[in-house]
Protein backbone atom coordinates (compact mmCIF):
# COMPACT_ATOMS: atom_id res chain seq x y z
CA MET A 1 0.00 0.00 0.00
CA LYS A 2 1.00 3.60 -0.61
CA PRO A 3 1.85 5.82 2.41
CA ALA A 4 -1.51 7.61 2.39
CA GLN A 5 -3.36 4.29 2.16
CA LEU A 6 -1.34 2.95 5.09
CA LEU A 7 -2.22 6.04 7.09
CA LEU A 8 -5.92 5.59 6.30
CA ALA A 9 -5.76 1.95 7.39
CA TYR A 10 -3.92 3.00 10.57
CA GLN A 11 -6.50 5.69 11.27
CA ARG A 12 -9.37 3.22 10.94
CA LEU A 13 -7.67 0.88 13.39
CA VAL A 14 -7.12 3.74 15.83
CA GLU A 15 -10.80 4.66 15.59
CA ARG A 16 -11.80 1.05 16.16
CA GLU A 17 -9.46 0.89 19.14
CA ARG A 18 -11.17 3.95 20.62
CA GLU A 19 -14.61 2.38 20.10
CA LEU A 20 -13.48 -0.84 21.75
CA ARG A 21 -12.00 1.01 24.71
CA ASP A 22 -15.28 2.89 25.18
CA GLU A 23 -17.28 -0.35 25.07
CA ILE A 24 -14.89 -2.08 27.47
CA GLU A 25 -15.07 0.86 29.87
CA ARG A 26 -18.88 0.84 29.68
CA VAL A 27 -19.13 -2.89 30.39
CA GLU A 28 -16.59 -2.77 33.19
CA SER A 29 -18.58 0.06 34.73
CA LEU A 30 -21.79 -1.99 34.48
CA LEU A 31 -20.10 -4.96 36.12
CA THR A 32 -18.63 -2.82 38.89
CA ALA A 33 -21.57 -0.54 39.63
CA ASN A 34 -24.66 -0.95 37.49
CA PRO A 35 -26.23 2.54 37.14
CA ASP A 36 -29.77 1.11 37.36
CA VAL A 37 -28.92 -0.61 40.63
CA VAL A 38 -27.16 2.49 41.99
CA ALA A 39 -30.14 4.68 41.07
CA ALA A 40 -32.56 2.20 42.66
CA GLU A 41 -30.45 2.07 45.83
CA GLU A 42 -30.41 5.87 46.05
CA THR A 43 -34.18 6.03 45.53
CA LEU A 44 -34.74 3.46 48.27
CA GLU A 45 -32.42 5.36 50.61
CA ARG A 46 -34.35 8.58 50.04
CA ALA A 47 -37.69 6.79 50.52
CA ARG A 48 -36.51 5.29 53.80
CA ALA A 49 -35.22 8.67 55.00
CA ASP A 50 -38.56 10.30 54.16
CA HIS A 51 -40.41 7.48 55.92
CA LEU A 52 -38.25 7.84 59.03
CA ALA A 53 -38.75 11.61 59.10
CA ILE A 54 -42.54 11.18 58.97
CA GLU A 55 -42.44 8.50 61.67
CA LEU A 56 -40.49 10.87 63.93
CA ARG A 57 -43.02 13.62 63.26
CA LEU A 58 -45.84 11.23 64.12
CA ARG A 59 -44.18 10.34 67.43
CA ASP A 60 -43.72 13.99 68.29
CA SER A 61 -47.32 14.67 67.29
CA ASP A 62 -48.59 11.80 69.47
CA ARG A 63 -46.61 13.09 72.44
CA ASP A 64 -47.79 16.67 71.97
CA ARG A 65 -51.41 15.62 71.47
CA GLU A 66 -51.36 13.47 74.60
CA ALA A 67 -49.94 16.34 76.65
CA HIS A 68 -52.53 18.66 75.11
CA ARG A 69 -55.34 16.20 75.84
CA THR A 70 -54.23 15.80 79.46
CA ARG A 71 -54.12 19.55 80.00
CA MET A 72 -57.47 20.05 78.30
CA ARG A 73 -59.17 17.38 80.43
CA SER A 74 -57.60 18.81 83.55
CA ARG A 75 -58.92 22.26 82.74
CA GLU A 76 -62.36 20.89 81.88
CA LYS A 77 -62.47 18.98 85.16
CA GLU A 78 -61.44 22.04 87.10
CA LEU A 79 -64.02 24.17 85.25
CA MET A 80 -66.81 21.70 86.06
CA SER A 81 -65.75 21.10 89.63
CA GLY A 82 -67.57 24.13 91.02
CA ARG A 83 -64.56 25.22 93.01
CA ILE A 84 -64.11 28.37 90.94
CA ARG A 85 -66.82 30.87 91.79
CA ASN A 86 -65.31 34.10 90.50
CA PRO A 87 -67.16 34.94 87.26
CA THR A 88 -64.06 36.49 85.70
CA GLU A 89 -61.94 33.42 86.46
CA LEU A 90 -64.70 31.15 85.19
CA MET A 91 -64.88 33.10 81.93
CA GLN A 92 -61.12 33.04 81.51
CA MET A 93 -60.94 29.31 82.12
CA SER A 94 -63.90 28.70 79.83
CA GLU A 95 -62.10 30.61 77.07
CA GLU A 96 -58.92 28.66 77.76
CA VAL A 97 -60.77 25.34 77.48
CA LYS A 98 -62.43 26.52 74.27
CA HIS A 99 -59.06 27.47 72.85
CA LEU A 100 -57.54 24.14 73.93
CA LYS A 101 -60.34 22.24 72.20
CA ALA A 102 -59.91 24.23 68.99
CA SER A 103 -56.15 23.66 69.03
CA PHE A 104 -56.63 19.97 69.76
CA ALA A 105 -59.01 19.66 66.79
CA GLU A 106 -56.38 21.24 64.54
CA GLU A 107 -53.79 18.84 65.89
CA GLU A 108 -56.12 15.94 65.14
CA GLU A 109 -56.44 17.07 61.52
CA ALA A 110 -52.68 17.49 61.26
CA GLN A 111 -52.27 14.01 62.72
CA LEU A 112 -54.56 12.56 60.06
CA ARG A 113 -52.54 14.26 57.32
CA LEU A 114 -49.35 12.88 58.81
CA MET A 115 -50.88 9.40 58.84
CA ASP A 116 -51.73 9.78 55.15
CA ASP A 117 -48.15 10.89 54.48
CA ALA A 118 -46.86 7.90 56.45
CA GLU A 119 -49.00 5.53 54.39
CA ALA A 120 -47.71 7.10 51.16
CA ALA A 121 -44.15 6.81 52.49
CA ASP A 122 -44.74 3.11 53.22
CA VAL A 123 -45.89 2.61 49.63
CA ALA A 124 -42.84 4.49 48.31
CA VAL A 125 -40.50 2.30 50.35
CA ARG A 126 -42.19 -0.89 49.12
CA GLU A 127 -42.06 0.25 45.49
CA ALA A 128 -38.43 1.35 45.80
CA THR A 129 -37.54 -2.01 47.37
CA GLU A 130 -39.26 -3.90 44.55
CA ASN A 131 -37.51 -1.76 41.93
CA LEU A 132 -34.15 -2.41 43.54
CA GLU A 133 -34.77 -6.15 43.61
CA GLU A 134 -35.76 -6.07 39.92
CA ALA A 135 -32.64 -4.06 39.02
CA ARG A 136 -30.41 -6.51 40.90
CA THR A 137 -32.12 -9.43 39.20
CA ARG A 138 -31.52 -7.87 35.77
CA GLN A 139 -27.92 -7.21 36.70
CA THR A 140 -27.42 -10.84 37.70
CA SER A 141 -29.05 -12.14 34.51
CA ASP A 142 -27.08 -9.74 32.30
CA GLU A 143 -23.70 -10.42 33.90
CA PRO A 144 -22.74 -13.59 31.93
CA THR A 145 -23.46 -11.87 28.60
CA LEU A 146 -21.56 -8.77 29.66
CA ARG A 147 -18.54 -10.83 30.66
CA ARG A 148 -18.57 -12.68 27.34
CA ASP A 149 -18.78 -9.37 25.49
CA LEU A 150 -15.96 -8.01 27.61
CA GLU A 151 -13.70 -10.96 26.79
CA THR A 152 -14.53 -10.67 23.07
CA TRP A 153 -13.79 -6.93 22.95
CA GLN A 154 -10.61 -7.29 24.97
CA ALA A 155 -9.37 -9.93 22.53
CA GLU A 156 -10.31 -7.75 19.55
CA LEU A 157 -8.62 -4.76 21.16
CA ALA A 158 -5.37 -6.69 21.49
CA ALA A 159 -5.58 -7.72 17.83
CA VAL A 160 -6.39 -4.18 16.68
CA GLN A 161 -3.48 -2.76 18.67
CA ALA A 162 -1.12 -5.30 17.13
CA ASP A 163 -2.38 -4.55 13.62
CA SER A 164 -2.15 -0.77 14.09
CA GLN A 165 1.43 -1.06 15.37
CA ALA A 166 2.35 -3.27 12.41
CA ILE A 167 0.84 -0.85 9.89
CA TRP A 168 2.39 2.20 11.56
CA ALA A 169 5.77 0.51 11.29
CA GLN A 170 5.26 0.30 7.51
CA VAL A 171 4.54 4.02 7.16
CA PRO A 172 7.62 5.99 6.04
CA VAL A 173 8.90 8.41 8.68
CA PRO A 174 8.10 11.55 6.61
CA ALA A 175 4.49 10.33 6.24
CA GLN A 176 4.33 9.58 9.98
CA ASN A 177 5.49 13.11 10.73
CA ALA A 178 2.97 14.56 8.29
CA TYR A 179 0.19 12.57 9.98
CA LEU A 180 1.21 13.73 13.45
CA ARG A 181 1.32 17.39 12.35
CA VAL A 182 -2.28 17.44 11.11
CA ARG A 183 -4.46 19.32 13.60
CA ALA A 184 -7.81 18.33 12.13
CA HIS A 185 -9.52 15.16 13.31
CA PRO A 186 -9.48 12.65 11.80
CA PRO A 187 -6.15 13.45 10.11
CA VAL A 188 -6.85 11.45 6.93
CA ALA A 189 -9.78 12.03 4.57
CA GLU A 190 -10.86 10.10 1.50
CA VAL A 191 -11.43 11.78 -1.85
CA ALA A 192 -14.54 10.94 -3.88
CA ARG A 193 -15.79 12.74 -6.99
CA ASN A 194 -12.73 14.99 -6.71
CA GLN A 195 -13.88 16.25 -3.30
CA CYS A 196 -12.38 15.92 0.17
CA GLN A 197 -14.98 13.91 2.06
CA ALA A 198 -14.22 15.74 5.31
CA CYS A 199 -14.80 19.33 4.20
CA TYR A 200 -16.28 18.72 0.69
CA VAL A 201 -13.96 21.19 -1.01
CA THR A 202 -12.89 20.26 -4.55
CA VAL A 203 -9.32 19.05 -4.88
CA THR A 204 -7.22 20.83 -7.51
CA SER A 205 -6.31 19.05 -10.73
CA SER A 206 -2.65 18.97 -9.73
CA GLY A 207 -3.60 17.51 -6.38
CA MET A 208 -5.66 14.82 -8.10
CA GLN A 209 -2.72 13.91 -10.32
CA LEU A 210 -0.47 13.47 -7.27
CA LEU A 211 -3.17 11.41 -5.55
CA ARG A 212 -3.47 9.07 -8.52
CA LYS A 213 0.26 8.45 -8.44
CA GLY A 214 0.06 7.87 -4.70
CA ASP A 215 3.75 8.37 -4.01
CA GLU A 216 3.48 11.70 -2.18
CA ILE A 217 1.48 12.94 0.79
CA VAL A 218 -1.17 15.37 -0.44
CA HIS A 219 -2.97 17.71 1.94
CA CYS A 220 -6.41 19.24 1.46
CA GLU A 221 -5.88 22.92 0.73
CA ASN A 222 -8.94 23.77 2.82
CA CYS A 223 -8.87 21.60 5.97
CA GLY A 224 -5.28 20.41 5.90
CA ARG A 225 -6.07 16.72 6.14
CA ILE A 226 -4.02 14.08 4.35
CA LEU A 227 -5.93 12.97 1.27
CA VAL A 228 -6.25 9.46 -0.10
CA MET A 229 -8.21 8.14 -3.04
CA SER A 230 -11.28 6.18 -1.99
């Protein structure tokens, strides 16, 4: 093969090597920490934290309501005992009992809302637990296939690396240097219908003549890539 053709073959192998490395990294990541499992674990953790927070609020609410109920009953008992004869004191205590009852009713409603929230939190924890179990089951069932794919891609990667090194060794040093100096990516572009297939600018007639001979490295006058006949 001519130098430009060797460089194109080398470039394709380099691109394939990059694709394989990406796939290997993806599979290794799935085998180490499956994102579906991680996401399901995080969701379950949040659901449990929310459930615990509501349970703590319910306990505090129960304690406050019981203290409120005790005080309210004590005041009611004192009001009905007949021991207080001063009309002003009776009115003040009556108002206090009325206020305690109204506050207690509000606390009862708040307690019911908390109980609804607790029930919803229970459902969220159950659903998150089920989702986590399903994700772990999928991970377990997918693992053999992923490991086979990993072994296949690792073997192909080794072969591609060997081939790319062998081809690079065949490229003349001046062509290697020309390849390494190209700033555009990818450095090599094919020519079809007299056009650079990277930037689609027409190659000059003199450039096409050099390309047909294939002995020299020809650069696209627009993008600077090394050109090779397709």
